Amino acid sequence: MIEHSFTRRDFLAASTAAASLLSVESARGFRANDTLNVACLGTGGRSQRILMTRLAQIPNTRIAAVCDVWDTNLKAGAKLADAKAILEDTDFRRLLDRSDIDAVVIGAPDHWHVPMTIAACEAGKDVYVEKPLTHDLSEGKAVISAQNKHGRIVQVGTQQSR
């Protein structure tokens, strides 16, 4: 009997994140060999276990920056990122200001999902954000408005890990 360590849920999580980020490539008109530079905002728990480890496996994708206010998570996230990744421990907006960051993966605590998503759209970055995106309808309208106004791609992950 063959034992599989990669579950269907793992596959769905990886393929959804990959499809979202690959759609960023085609939307931007990147050539096949171009590298997509991604910043991970929030590098604790699920971000380390699932998002960053799967993101690192996507061809032509580089975890170019990590941000977390908790030193332990920042250090762990740095180990999963590119060796030359930028580390930010106080303000995610500094990473959004960088022209060498193409997209962000948001795995921060839930109450940060909306402000980080809106700020990323305003900064011209495409977004993959974990659920829940919002807590009420007004937040949803604000995210949709920012996404539409700035012409960004926003993907909300709905997968669960065991």
Protein backbone atom coordinates (compact mmCIF):
# COMPACT_ATOMS: atom_id res chain seq x y z
CA MET A 1 0.00 0.00 0.00
CA ILE A 2 1.38 3.40 -0.98
CA GLU A 3 1.07 6.11 1.64
CA HIS A 4 0.52 9.63 0.32
CA SER A 5 1.65 12.61 2.36
CA PHE A 6 0.08 15.06 -0.09
CA THR A 7 -3.68 15.13 0.56
CA ARG A 8 -6.45 16.35 -1.73
CA ARG A 9 -6.75 19.42 0.46
CA ASP A 10 -3.04 20.10 0.04
CA PHE A 11 -3.42 19.73 -3.70
CA LEU A 12 -6.38 22.13 -3.82
CA ALA A 13 -4.55 24.68 -1.68
CA ALA A 14 -1.44 24.51 -3.84
CA SER A 15 -3.27 24.53 -7.15
CA THR A 16 -5.52 27.45 -6.18
CA ALA A 17 -2.56 29.53 -5.01
CA ALA A 18 -0.60 28.58 -8.13
CA ALA A 19 -3.48 29.40 -10.45
CA SER A 20 -3.98 32.76 -8.76
CA LEU A 21 -0.33 33.70 -9.01
CA LEU A 22 0.06 32.38 -12.55
CA SER A 23 -2.92 34.46 -13.59
CA VAL A 24 -0.97 37.44 -12.25
CA GLU A 25 1.76 36.60 -14.77
CA SER A 26 -0.61 36.54 -17.72
CA ALA A 27 -2.46 39.65 -16.57
CA ARG A 28 0.80 41.57 -16.36
CA GLY A 29 2.06 40.27 -19.67
CA PHE A 30 5.09 38.58 -18.13
CA ARG A 31 7.12 36.35 -20.40
CA ALA A 32 7.38 32.66 -19.55
CA ASN A 33 10.86 33.02 -18.02
CA ASP A 34 10.12 36.13 -15.95
CA THR A 35 10.18 35.75 -12.18
CA LEU A 36 7.20 36.79 -10.09
CA ASN A 37 8.42 38.47 -6.89
CA VAL A 38 6.02 37.90 -4.01
CA ALA A 39 5.91 39.44 -0.53
CA CYS A 40 4.38 37.36 2.26
CA LEU A 41 2.56 39.55 4.77
CA GLY A 42 2.13 37.56 7.96
CA THR A 43 4.35 34.50 8.26
CA GLY A 44 2.92 32.54 11.18
CA GLY A 45 1.02 29.25 11.40
CA ARG A 46 -0.74 28.38 8.14
CA SER A 47 1.36 30.85 6.18
CA GLN A 48 4.52 28.88 7.03
CA ARG A 49 3.03 25.39 6.94
CA ILE A 50 1.05 25.69 3.71
CA LEU A 51 1.20 28.98 1.81
CA MET A 52 4.93 29.72 1.82
CA THR A 53 6.04 26.12 1.37
CA ARG A 54 3.71 25.67 -1.62
CA LEU A 55 4.54 29.10 -3.05
CA ALA A 56 8.24 28.25 -3.02
CA GLN A 57 7.49 25.24 -5.27
CA ILE A 58 5.88 27.28 -8.07
CA PRO A 59 8.28 27.75 -11.00
CA ASN A 60 9.42 31.32 -11.74
CA THR A 61 8.10 32.51 -8.38
CA ARG A 62 10.34 34.01 -5.71
CA ILE A 63 9.43 34.85 -2.12
CA ALA A 64 11.22 38.17 -2.29
CA ALA A 65 10.05 39.67 1.01
CA VAL A 66 8.49 38.65 4.30
CA CYS A 67 6.79 40.76 6.92
CA ASP A 68 5.70 39.88 10.44
CA VAL A 69 5.72 41.90 13.63
CA TRP A 70 6.52 38.82 15.72
CA ASP A 71 10.26 38.07 15.53
CA THR A 72 9.76 34.30 15.79
CA ASN A 73 7.46 34.25 12.75
CA LEU A 74 9.67 36.65 10.82
CA LYS A 75 12.72 34.43 11.33
CA ALA A 76 10.81 31.28 10.39
CA GLY A 77 9.38 33.00 7.31
CA ALA A 78 12.84 34.16 6.29
CA LYS A 79 14.02 30.53 6.24
CA LEU A 80 11.30 29.69 3.70
CA ALA A 81 11.97 32.75 1.54
CA ASP A 82 14.68 33.49 -1.00
CA ALA A 83 18.11 33.87 0.58
CA LYS A 84 18.16 37.55 -0.43
CA ALA A 85 14.59 38.26 0.71
CA ILE A 86 13.79 41.59 2.34
CA LEU A 87 12.69 41.31 5.97
CA GLU A 88 10.25 43.85 7.40
CA ASP A 89 9.29 43.69 11.05
CA THR A 90 7.29 46.85 11.61
CA ASP A 91 5.31 48.10 8.61
CA PHE A 92 4.06 46.04 5.67
CA ARG A 93 3.48 49.26 3.67
CA ARG A 94 7.24 49.59 3.16
CA LEU A 95 7.12 46.41 1.10
CA LEU A 96 4.10 47.64 -0.86
CA ASP A 97 6.05 50.78 -1.80
CA ARG A 98 8.71 48.67 -3.53
CA SER A 99 8.53 48.46 -7.32
CA ASP A 100 10.31 45.08 -7.30
CA ILE A 101 7.38 43.36 -5.54
CA ASP A 102 4.72 42.12 -7.98
CA ALA A 103 2.17 40.46 -5.68
CA VAL A 104 1.44 39.72 -2.04
CA VAL A 105 0.24 36.71 -0.10
CA ILE A 106 -1.61 37.77 3.03
CA GLY A 107 -1.57 35.28 5.89
CA ALA A 108 -1.78 37.84 8.69
CA PRO A 109 -4.40 37.74 11.47
CA ASP A 110 -7.97 38.06 10.19
CA HIS A 111 -8.50 41.68 11.23
CA TRP A 112 -5.62 42.71 8.92
CA HIS A 113 -6.98 41.05 5.77
CA VAL A 114 -9.09 44.01 4.61
CA PRO A 115 -6.62 46.85 5.30
CA MET A 116 -3.70 44.91 3.79
CA THR A 117 -5.71 43.91 0.71
CA ILE A 118 -6.87 47.47 0.07
CA ALA A 119 -3.37 48.89 0.62
CA ALA A 120 -1.88 46.28 -1.74
CA CYS A 121 -4.41 47.14 -4.47
CA GLU A 122 -3.68 50.83 -4.02
CA ALA A 123 0.04 50.07 -4.36
CA GLY A 124 -0.56 48.22 -7.64
CA LYS A 125 0.01 44.72 -6.25
CA ASP A 126 -2.09 41.63 -6.96
CA VAL A 127 -3.27 39.74 -3.88
CA TYR A 128 -3.84 36.24 -2.56
CA VAL A 129 -5.48 36.55 0.85
CA GLU A 130 -6.62 33.93 3.32
CA LYS A 131 -10.18 33.66 4.55
CA PRO A 132 -12.06 35.33 6.07
CA LEU A 133 -11.53 38.36 3.91
CA THR A 134 -14.15 40.51 5.62
CA HIS A 135 -16.28 40.67 8.74
CA ASP A 136 -19.14 42.77 7.35
CA LEU A 137 -20.60 43.97 4.05
CA SER A 138 -19.04 47.43 4.18
CA GLU A 139 -15.57 45.88 4.25
CA GLY A 140 -16.44 43.74 1.23
CA LYS A 141 -17.58 46.78 -0.71
CA ALA A 142 -14.35 48.61 0.16
CA VAL A 143 -12.19 45.70 -1.06
CA ILE A 144 -14.15 45.33 -4.30
CA SER A 145 -13.94 49.07 -4.89
CA ALA A 146 -10.15 49.09 -4.40
CA GLN A 147 -9.71 46.02 -6.60
CA ASN A 148 -11.81 47.52 -9.40
CA LYS A 149 -10.40 51.04 -9.12
CA HIS A 150 -6.80 49.85 -9.35
CA GLY A 151 -7.39 46.96 -11.77
CA ARG A 152 -5.87 44.32 -9.50
CA ILE A 153 -6.41 40.59 -9.16
CA VAL A 154 -7.63 39.54 -5.71
CA GLN A 155 -7.96 35.84 -4.86
CA VAL A 156 -9.44 34.71 -1.54
CA GLY A 157 -8.34 31.30 -0.30
CA THR A 158 -11.05 29.08 1.14
CA GLN A 159 -9.05 25.94 1.79
CA GLN A 160 -8.65 24.35 5.20
CA SER A 161 -5.74 22.34 6.48
CA ARG A 162 -6.16 19.52 8.92
